[in-house]
N, C-alpha and C. Protein backbone atom coordinates (compact mmCIF):
# COMPACT_ATOMS: atom_id res chain seq x y z
N MET A 1 28.98 16.08 -17.24
CA MET A 1 27.40 16.18 -18.05
C MET A 1 27.22 15.01 -18.63
N LYS A 2 28.32 14.30 -19.31
CA LYS A 2 27.81 13.16 -20.28
C LYS A 2 27.21 12.05 -19.26
N ILE A 3 27.83 11.94 -18.33
CA ILE A 3 27.31 11.09 -17.38
C ILE A 3 26.13 11.26 -16.92
N ILE A 4 25.55 12.29 -16.44
CA ILE A 4 24.25 12.75 -16.26
C ILE A 4 23.41 12.89 -17.33
N SER A 5 23.76 12.96 -18.48
CA SER A 5 23.14 13.10 -19.63
C SER A 5 22.56 11.46 -20.04
N ARG A 6 23.36 10.66 -19.83
CA ARG A 6 23.26 9.06 -19.92
C ARG A 6 22.37 8.69 -18.92
N LEU A 7 22.62 9.14 -17.64
CA LEU A 7 21.70 8.46 -16.58
C LEU A 7 20.07 9.08 -16.79
N PHE A 8 20.00 10.51 -17.04
CA PHE A 8 18.68 11.10 -16.86
C PHE A 8 18.12 11.66 -18.18
N GLY A 9 19.02 11.65 -19.25
CA GLY A 9 18.67 12.27 -20.44
C GLY A 9 19.33 13.88 -20.56
N ASP A 10 18.61 14.49 -21.41
CA ASP A 10 18.97 15.90 -21.57
C ASP A 10 18.63 16.58 -20.08
N VAL A 11 19.54 17.34 -19.91
CA VAL A 11 19.42 17.86 -18.34
C VAL A 11 19.68 19.44 -18.82
N GLN A 12 18.85 20.38 -18.16
CA GLN A 12 18.96 21.73 -18.19
C GLN A 12 18.67 22.40 -16.86
N ALA A 13 19.61 23.67 -16.82
CA ALA A 13 19.55 24.53 -15.55
C ALA A 13 19.29 25.81 -15.92
N HIS A 14 18.49 26.75 -15.03
CA HIS A 14 18.51 28.06 -15.35
C HIS A 14 19.44 28.97 -14.44
N CYS A 15 19.99 28.20 -13.33
CA CYS A 15 20.71 29.25 -12.33
C CYS A 15 21.88 28.55 -12.01
N ASP A 16 22.78 28.86 -10.97
CA ASP A 16 23.83 28.30 -10.81
C ASP A 16 23.61 27.39 -9.70
N VAL A 17 22.63 27.42 -8.81
CA VAL A 17 22.37 26.48 -7.79
C VAL A 17 20.99 26.11 -7.94
N PRO A 18 20.36 24.88 -7.29
CA PRO A 18 19.13 24.47 -7.50
C PRO A 18 18.13 25.67 -6.79
N CYS A 19 16.95 25.86 -7.35
CA CYS A 19 16.08 26.80 -7.01
C CYS A 19 15.83 26.42 -5.48
N GLY A 20 15.23 27.68 -4.91
CA GLY A 20 15.09 27.86 -3.70
C GLY A 20 16.17 27.83 -2.73
N ILE A 21 17.31 27.89 -3.08
CA ILE A 21 18.53 28.21 -2.41
C ILE A 21 18.64 29.64 -1.97
N TYR A 22 18.43 30.59 -2.90
CA TYR A 22 18.50 31.88 -2.66
C TYR A 22 17.52 32.34 -1.46
N ASP A 23 18.30 33.14 -0.47
CA ASP A 23 17.58 33.81 0.54
C ASP A 23 18.21 34.79 1.14
N PRO A 24 17.45 35.96 1.26
CA PRO A 24 18.24 37.20 1.71
C PRO A 24 18.36 37.02 3.27
N ILE A 25 18.08 35.97 4.02
CA ILE A 25 18.08 36.10 5.55
C ILE A 25 19.74 35.95 6.10
N SER A 26 20.72 35.42 4.93
CA SER A 26 22.21 35.82 5.51
C SER A 26 22.48 37.14 5.74
N ALA A 27 22.10 37.76 4.66
CA ALA A 27 22.57 39.42 4.50
C ALA A 27 21.61 39.96 5.51
N LYS A 28 20.48 39.71 5.72
CA LYS A 28 19.51 40.12 7.06
C LYS A 28 20.43 40.06 8.49
N ILE A 29 20.80 38.74 8.48
CA ILE A 29 21.53 38.53 10.12
C ILE A 29 22.65 39.36 10.11
N ALA A 30 23.64 39.28 9.09
CA ALA A 30 25.02 40.13 8.94
C ALA A 30 24.60 41.45 9.28
N ALA A 31 23.80 42.01 8.63
CA ALA A 31 23.29 43.64 8.81
C ALA A 31 22.93 43.63 10.33
N GLN A 32 22.07 42.95 10.81
CA GLN A 32 21.72 43.00 12.32
C GLN A 32 23.08 43.07 13.18
N THR A 33 24.20 42.20 12.92
CA THR A 33 25.17 41.99 13.42
C THR A 33 26.03 43.25 13.35
N VAL A 34 25.99 43.96 12.33
CA VAL A 34 26.46 44.99 12.21
C VAL A 34 25.97 46.12 13.04
N LEU A 35 24.94 46.38 13.14
CA LEU A 35 24.13 46.98 14.13
C LEU A 35 24.46 46.77 15.35
N LYS A 36 24.33 45.60 15.84
CA LYS A 36 24.69 45.23 17.38
C LYS A 36 25.87 45.79 17.48
N MET A 37 26.92 45.49 16.68
CA MET A 37 28.45 45.76 17.16
C MET A 37 28.81 47.24 17.10
N ALA A 38 27.95 48.05 16.32
CA ALA A 38 28.00 49.57 16.26
C ALA A 38 27.49 50.09 17.82
N MET A 39 26.41 49.42 18.07
CA MET A 39 25.78 49.88 19.25
C MET A 39 26.64 49.46 20.75
N ARG A 40 27.32 48.30 20.59
CA ARG A 40 28.26 47.96 21.21
C ARG A 40 29.50 49.00 21.39
N LEU A 41 30.03 49.41 20.22
CA LEU A 41 31.15 50.10 20.31
C LEU A 41 30.70 51.50 20.74
N GLU A 42 29.55 51.99 20.58
CA GLU A 42 29.31 53.31 20.80
C GLU A 42 29.24 53.23 22.23
N ALA A 43 28.59 52.13 23.10
CA ALA A 43 28.53 52.36 24.31
C ALA A 43 29.62 51.89 25.11
N VAL A 44 31.03 51.78 24.57
CA VAL A 44 32.04 51.58 25.28
C VAL A 44 32.53 52.92 26.03
N ASP A 45 32.69 53.08 27.09
CA ASP A 45 33.34 54.42 27.83
C ASP A 45 34.79 54.46 27.85
N PHE A 46 35.18 55.24 26.90
CA PHE A 46 36.81 55.42 26.82
C PHE A 46 37.19 56.38 28.01
N SER A 47 36.40 57.20 28.64
CA SER A 47 36.56 58.21 29.31
C SER A 47 37.02 57.89 30.77
N SER A 48 36.86 56.95 31.05
CA SER A 48 36.91 56.37 32.39
C SER A 48 38.19 56.39 32.90
N GLY A 49 38.60 56.61 34.17
CA GLY A 49 40.16 56.67 34.61
C GLY A 49 40.66 55.27 34.82
N ALA A 50 40.25 54.38 34.99
CA ALA A 50 40.77 53.09 35.20
C ALA A 50 40.00 52.30 34.10
N PRO A 51 39.98 52.00 32.95
CA PRO A 51 39.39 51.16 32.07
C PRO A 51 39.45 49.59 32.42
N ASP A 52 38.64 48.79 32.15
CA ASP A 52 38.38 47.38 32.35
C ASP A 52 39.61 47.17 31.46
N PRO A 53 40.56 45.99 31.95
CA PRO A 53 41.54 45.64 31.24
C PRO A 53 41.10 44.94 30.23
N GLY A 54 39.97 44.20 30.14
CA GLY A 54 39.62 43.34 29.03
C GLY A 54 38.72 44.28 27.92
N MET A 55 38.64 45.68 28.17
CA MET A 55 38.06 46.45 27.22
C MET A 55 38.88 46.62 25.72
N PRO A 56 39.99 46.73 25.80
CA PRO A 56 40.77 46.67 24.38
C PRO A 56 40.63 45.33 23.81
N ASN A 57 40.48 44.23 24.22
CA ASN A 57 40.11 42.95 23.71
C ASN A 57 38.74 42.93 23.22
N SER A 58 37.78 43.57 24.03
CA SER A 58 36.28 43.58 23.50
C SER A 58 36.18 44.45 22.44
N VAL A 59 36.70 45.64 22.23
CA VAL A 59 36.62 46.49 21.38
C VAL A 59 37.13 45.91 20.00
N ALA A 60 38.40 45.48 19.98
CA ALA A 60 39.14 44.55 18.81
C ALA A 60 38.01 43.65 18.49
N ARG A 61 37.40 42.83 19.08
CA ARG A 61 36.54 41.87 18.65
C ARG A 61 35.33 42.48 18.13
N TYR A 62 34.60 43.53 18.73
CA TYR A 62 33.56 44.10 18.10
C TYR A 62 33.84 44.63 16.67
N VAL A 63 35.03 45.24 16.73
CA VAL A 63 35.37 45.94 15.32
C VAL A 63 35.41 44.87 14.35
N ALA A 64 36.23 43.70 14.79
CA ALA A 64 36.45 42.60 13.91
C ALA A 64 34.98 42.11 13.49
N VAL A 65 34.28 41.78 14.30
CA VAL A 65 32.99 41.02 13.99
C VAL A 65 32.04 42.16 12.88
N LYS A 66 32.10 43.37 13.18
CA LYS A 66 31.40 44.46 12.58
C LYS A 66 31.93 44.53 11.00
N GLU A 67 33.36 44.32 10.90
CA GLU A 67 33.66 44.26 9.83
C GLU A 67 33.41 43.14 8.80
N GLU A 68 33.61 41.99 9.40
CA GLU A 68 33.32 40.81 8.86
C GLU A 68 31.81 40.65 8.32
N HIS A 69 31.05 40.91 9.18
CA HIS A 69 29.48 40.78 8.74
C HIS A 69 29.14 41.92 7.91
N ALA A 70 29.67 43.19 7.92
CA ALA A 70 29.48 44.08 6.64
C ALA A 70 29.90 43.70 5.46
N GLN A 71 31.24 43.08 5.18
CA GLN A 71 31.60 42.51 4.19
C GLN A 71 30.78 41.17 3.66
N GLY A 72 30.07 40.46 4.91
CA GLY A 72 29.27 39.58 4.48
C GLY A 72 28.02 39.97 3.97
N VAL A 73 27.54 41.03 4.31
CA VAL A 73 26.06 41.80 3.70
C VAL A 73 26.43 42.01 2.55
N LYS A 74 27.54 42.60 1.89
CA LYS A 74 28.17 42.86 0.45
C LYS A 74 28.22 41.35 -0.14
N ASN A 75 28.55 40.57 0.28
CA ASN A 75 28.96 39.02 -0.39
C ASN A 75 27.49 38.49 -0.67
N GLU A 76 26.62 38.57 0.19
CA GLU A 76 25.41 38.17 0.10
C GLU A 76 24.60 38.73 -0.75
N LEU A 77 24.56 39.97 -0.81
CA LEU A 77 23.63 41.03 -1.53
C LEU A 77 24.32 40.60 -3.07
N ASN A 78 25.48 40.71 -3.12
CA ASN A 78 26.16 40.46 -4.44
C ASN A 78 25.47 39.11 -5.07
N ILE A 79 25.38 38.00 -4.49
CA ILE A 79 25.17 37.03 -4.91
C ILE A 79 23.46 37.10 -5.55
N LEU A 80 22.82 37.69 -4.59
CA LEU A 80 21.20 37.76 -4.92
C LEU A 80 21.26 38.62 -6.25
N TRP A 81 21.92 39.76 -6.43
CA TRP A 81 22.22 40.87 -7.23
C TRP A 81 22.44 40.15 -8.50
N SER A 82 23.44 39.33 -8.47
CA SER A 82 24.09 38.60 -9.99
C SER A 82 23.48 37.36 -10.19
N ASP A 83 23.07 36.51 -9.26
CA ASP A 83 22.65 35.24 -9.44
C ASP A 83 21.07 35.22 -9.34
N TYR A 84 20.50 35.96 -8.62
CA TYR A 84 19.14 35.66 -8.31
C TYR A 84 18.22 36.68 -9.42
N PHE A 85 18.35 38.04 -9.18
CA PHE A 85 17.58 38.93 -9.71
C PHE A 85 17.98 38.98 -11.48
N LYS A 86 16.71 39.07 -12.25
CA LYS A 86 16.91 39.02 -13.60
C LYS A 86 16.25 39.92 -14.15
N PRO A 87 16.45 40.33 -15.56
CA PRO A 87 15.90 41.52 -16.00
C PRO A 87 14.43 41.87 -16.16
N GLU A 88 13.71 40.85 -15.85
CA GLU A 88 12.28 41.10 -15.77
C GLU A 88 12.01 41.58 -14.39
N HIS A 89 12.83 41.45 -13.34
CA HIS A 89 12.48 42.04 -12.06
C HIS A 89 12.80 43.47 -12.12
N LEU A 90 13.55 43.97 -13.23
CA LEU A 90 13.86 45.45 -12.97
C LEU A 90 12.66 46.29 -13.54
N SER A 91 11.79 45.20 -14.45
CA SER A 91 10.42 46.16 -14.98
C SER A 91 9.68 46.17 -14.05
N ASP A 92 9.73 45.11 -13.00
CA ASP A 92 8.65 45.47 -12.00
C ASP A 92 9.32 46.30 -10.76
N TYR A 93 10.45 46.42 -10.49
CA TYR A 93 11.34 47.16 -9.53
C TYR A 93 12.35 48.04 -10.05
N PRO A 94 11.88 49.20 -10.65
CA PRO A 94 12.77 49.82 -11.38
C PRO A 94 13.94 50.40 -10.51
N ASN A 95 13.94 50.59 -9.36
CA ASN A 95 14.80 51.05 -8.49
C ASN A 95 15.74 49.94 -7.83
N LEU A 96 15.67 49.01 -8.34
CA LEU A 96 16.35 47.51 -8.04
C LEU A 96 17.87 47.89 -7.90
N HIS A 97 18.48 48.49 -9.07
CA HIS A 97 19.85 48.82 -9.12
C HIS A 97 20.49 49.76 -8.01
N GLU A 98 19.46 50.70 -7.88
CA GLU A 98 19.86 51.78 -6.80
C GLU A 98 19.86 51.36 -5.51
N LEU A 99 18.69 50.34 -4.95
CA LEU A 99 18.67 49.72 -3.83
C LEU A 99 20.34 48.96 -3.38
N PHE A 100 20.41 48.36 -4.28
CA PHE A 100 21.58 47.26 -4.36
C PHE A 100 22.73 48.19 -4.19
N TRP A 101 23.09 49.38 -5.13
CA TRP A 101 24.05 50.07 -5.08
C TRP A 101 24.10 50.84 -3.90
N ASN A 102 23.00 51.04 -3.26
CA ASN A 102 23.06 52.01 -1.96
C ASN A 102 23.36 50.94 -0.67
N ALA A 103 22.84 49.96 -0.85
CA ALA A 103 23.04 48.63 0.34
C ALA A 103 24.64 48.62 0.45
N ASP A 104 25.39 48.12 -1.00
CA ASP A 104 26.54 47.90 -1.04
C ASP A 104 27.55 49.18 -0.12
N LYS A 105 27.21 50.19 -0.70
CA LYS A 105 27.80 51.44 -0.30
C LYS A 105 27.67 51.73 1.19
N LEU A 106 26.39 51.18 1.78
CA LEU A 106 26.31 51.30 3.28
C LEU A 106 26.88 50.61 3.99
N ALA A 107 27.16 49.00 3.28
CA ALA A 107 27.94 48.01 3.97
C ALA A 107 29.52 48.65 4.11
N GLY A 108 29.69 49.16 2.98
CA GLY A 108 31.38 49.58 3.16
C GLY A 108 31.38 50.60 4.09
N ALA A 109 30.66 51.78 4.16
CA ALA A 109 30.53 52.76 5.10
C ALA A 109 30.69 52.29 6.51
N ASN A 110 29.92 51.10 6.78
CA ASN A 110 29.76 50.40 8.16
C ASN A 110 31.05 49.59 8.33
N LYS A 111 31.95 49.30 7.44
CA LYS A 111 33.22 48.53 7.46
C LYS A 111 34.35 49.77 8.18
N GLN A 112 33.99 50.97 7.51
CA GLN A 112 35.02 52.06 7.79
C GLN A 112 34.98 52.64 9.11
N GLY A 113 33.55 52.65 9.39
CA GLY A 113 33.30 53.65 10.69
C GLY A 113 32.36 52.78 11.87
N VAL A 114 32.01 53.49 12.73
CA VAL A 114 31.25 53.34 13.57
C VAL A 114 30.12 54.13 13.93
N SER A 115 28.76 53.83 13.36
CA SER A 115 27.55 54.56 13.65
C SER A 115 26.35 53.83 13.49
N SER A 116 25.74 53.74 14.58
CA SER A 116 24.70 52.81 14.65
C SER A 116 23.41 53.29 13.66
N SER A 117 23.41 54.84 13.51
CA SER A 117 22.50 55.21 12.76
C SER A 117 22.77 54.75 11.14
N SER A 118 24.14 54.53 10.70
CA SER A 118 24.34 54.07 9.46
C SER A 118 24.10 52.59 9.23
N ALA A 119 24.29 52.08 10.63
CA ALA A 119 23.97 50.47 10.47
C ALA A 119 22.59 50.45 10.39
N LYS A 120 21.85 51.16 11.23
CA LYS A 120 20.25 50.98 10.93
C LYS A 120 19.89 51.01 9.52
N GLU A 121 20.55 51.93 8.87
CA GLU A 121 20.07 52.20 7.29
C GLU A 121 20.45 50.99 6.71
N LEU A 122 21.73 50.65 7.16
CA LEU A 122 21.87 49.14 6.18
C LEU A 122 21.02 48.15 6.40
N VAL A 123 20.35 47.97 7.80
CA VAL A 123 19.57 46.91 8.09
C VAL A 123 18.10 47.22 7.26
N ASP A 124 17.68 48.54 7.25
CA ASP A 124 16.46 49.16 6.41
C ASP A 124 16.67 48.68 4.89
N ALA A 125 18.09 48.96 4.45
CA ALA A 125 18.51 48.74 2.97
C ALA A 125 18.27 47.20 2.63
N VAL A 126 18.71 46.42 3.58
CA VAL A 126 18.70 44.90 3.49
C VAL A 126 17.29 44.48 3.41
N ASP A 127 16.58 44.96 4.45
CA ASP A 127 15.18 44.57 4.48
C ASP A 127 14.28 45.15 3.42
N GLY A 128 14.67 46.19 2.68
CA GLY A 128 13.94 46.45 1.44
C GLY A 128 14.23 45.71 0.36
N ILE A 129 15.34 45.07 0.31
CA ILE A 129 15.56 44.16 -0.73
C ILE A 129 15.06 42.89 -0.47
N ALA A 130 14.97 42.42 0.65
CA ALA A 130 14.45 41.05 1.27
C ALA A 130 12.84 41.14 0.83
N LYS A 131 12.28 42.35 1.02
CA LYS A 131 10.80 42.63 0.76
C LYS A 131 10.56 42.38 -0.82
N ILE A 132 11.27 42.87 -1.75
CA ILE A 132 11.51 42.77 -3.02
C ILE A 132 11.64 41.29 -3.40
N PHE A 133 12.74 40.58 -2.83
CA PHE A 133 12.89 39.45 -3.07
C PHE A 133 11.91 38.37 -2.99
N TRP A 134 10.94 38.32 -1.61
CA TRP A 134 9.98 37.64 -1.54
C TRP A 134 8.84 37.90 -2.37
N ALA A 135 8.63 39.51 -2.86
CA ALA A 135 7.53 39.61 -3.61
C ALA A 135 7.66 38.86 -5.14
N THR A 136 8.83 38.73 -5.19
CA THR A 136 9.08 38.08 -6.75
C THR A 136 8.77 36.59 -6.63
N LYS A 137 8.68 36.33 -5.24
CA LYS A 137 8.06 34.67 -5.34
C LYS A 137 6.70 34.72 -4.58
N GLY A 138 5.68 35.83 -4.81
CA GLY A 138 4.71 35.86 -4.45
C GLY A 138 4.17 35.84 -2.99
N VAL A 139 5.30 36.22 -2.01
CA VAL A 139 5.32 36.28 -0.57
C VAL A 139 5.18 37.79 -0.05
N ASP A 140 4.18 38.02 0.76
CA ASP A 140 3.85 39.35 1.41
C ASP A 140 5.05 39.24 2.48
N TYR A 141 6.09 39.83 2.57
CA TYR A 141 7.24 39.89 3.47
C TYR A 141 6.74 40.38 4.85
N SER A 142 6.02 41.34 4.78
CA SER A 142 5.39 42.00 6.02
C SER A 142 4.36 41.20 6.86
N ASP A 143 3.69 40.16 5.97
CA ASP A 143 2.88 39.34 6.78
C ASP A 143 3.70 38.41 7.60
N PRO A 144 3.32 38.63 9.23
CA PRO A 144 4.09 37.73 9.93
C PRO A 144 3.86 36.26 9.76
N ASN A 145 2.75 35.86 9.22
CA ASN A 145 2.48 34.69 9.29
C ASN A 145 2.71 34.02 7.88
N ALA A 146 3.69 34.68 6.86
CA ALA A 146 4.00 34.29 5.75
C ALA A 146 5.20 33.07 5.85
N ASP A 147 5.29 32.28 5.23
CA ASP A 147 6.13 31.21 5.27
C ASP A 147 7.25 31.75 4.01
N VAL A 148 8.42 32.21 4.54
CA VAL A 148 9.59 32.45 3.96
C VAL A 148 10.75 31.59 4.02
N ARG A 149 10.72 30.61 4.09
CA ARG A 149 11.84 29.64 4.34
C ARG A 149 12.13 29.06 2.80
N PHE A 150 13.25 29.34 2.48
CA PHE A 150 13.92 28.66 1.49
C PHE A 150 12.85 28.89 0.29
N GLY A 151 12.68 29.80 -0.21
CA GLY A 151 11.77 30.24 -1.41
C GLY A 151 10.35 29.38 -1.45
N ALA A 152 9.76 29.19 -0.04
CA ALA A 152 8.52 28.56 -0.26
C ALA A 152 7.64 29.69 -0.83
């Protein structure tokens, strides 16, 4: 910091990373992946007499990807929750704590089980948080023409 101060004078920052880096897109992609893996797992036919010899490998991969991405949802949401959202956001969105808490619980439930309806709830929860995130930046997330890249 001393070197930076010598080069640029007093330097101050208000967050852990430069502004514009926060974005819920990683959580959204991870939640969509959880849903896709749950749908694939639900579509596996375990009752057939002679299963495809590759089926156990595919099932194992679906489960591993589902669990990895469900954990990714938790990680990405926790970064947004702890690093991006501030007390002033709570005054505008008093249900923010509950939204994050529910989304984290849904991500955990989707790690533990296989349910496309639960995975859809996770996708919806992450979308709800993304809407609020973009609203704090003055962007209407439901507008298909809105530029929501990197905090624009």
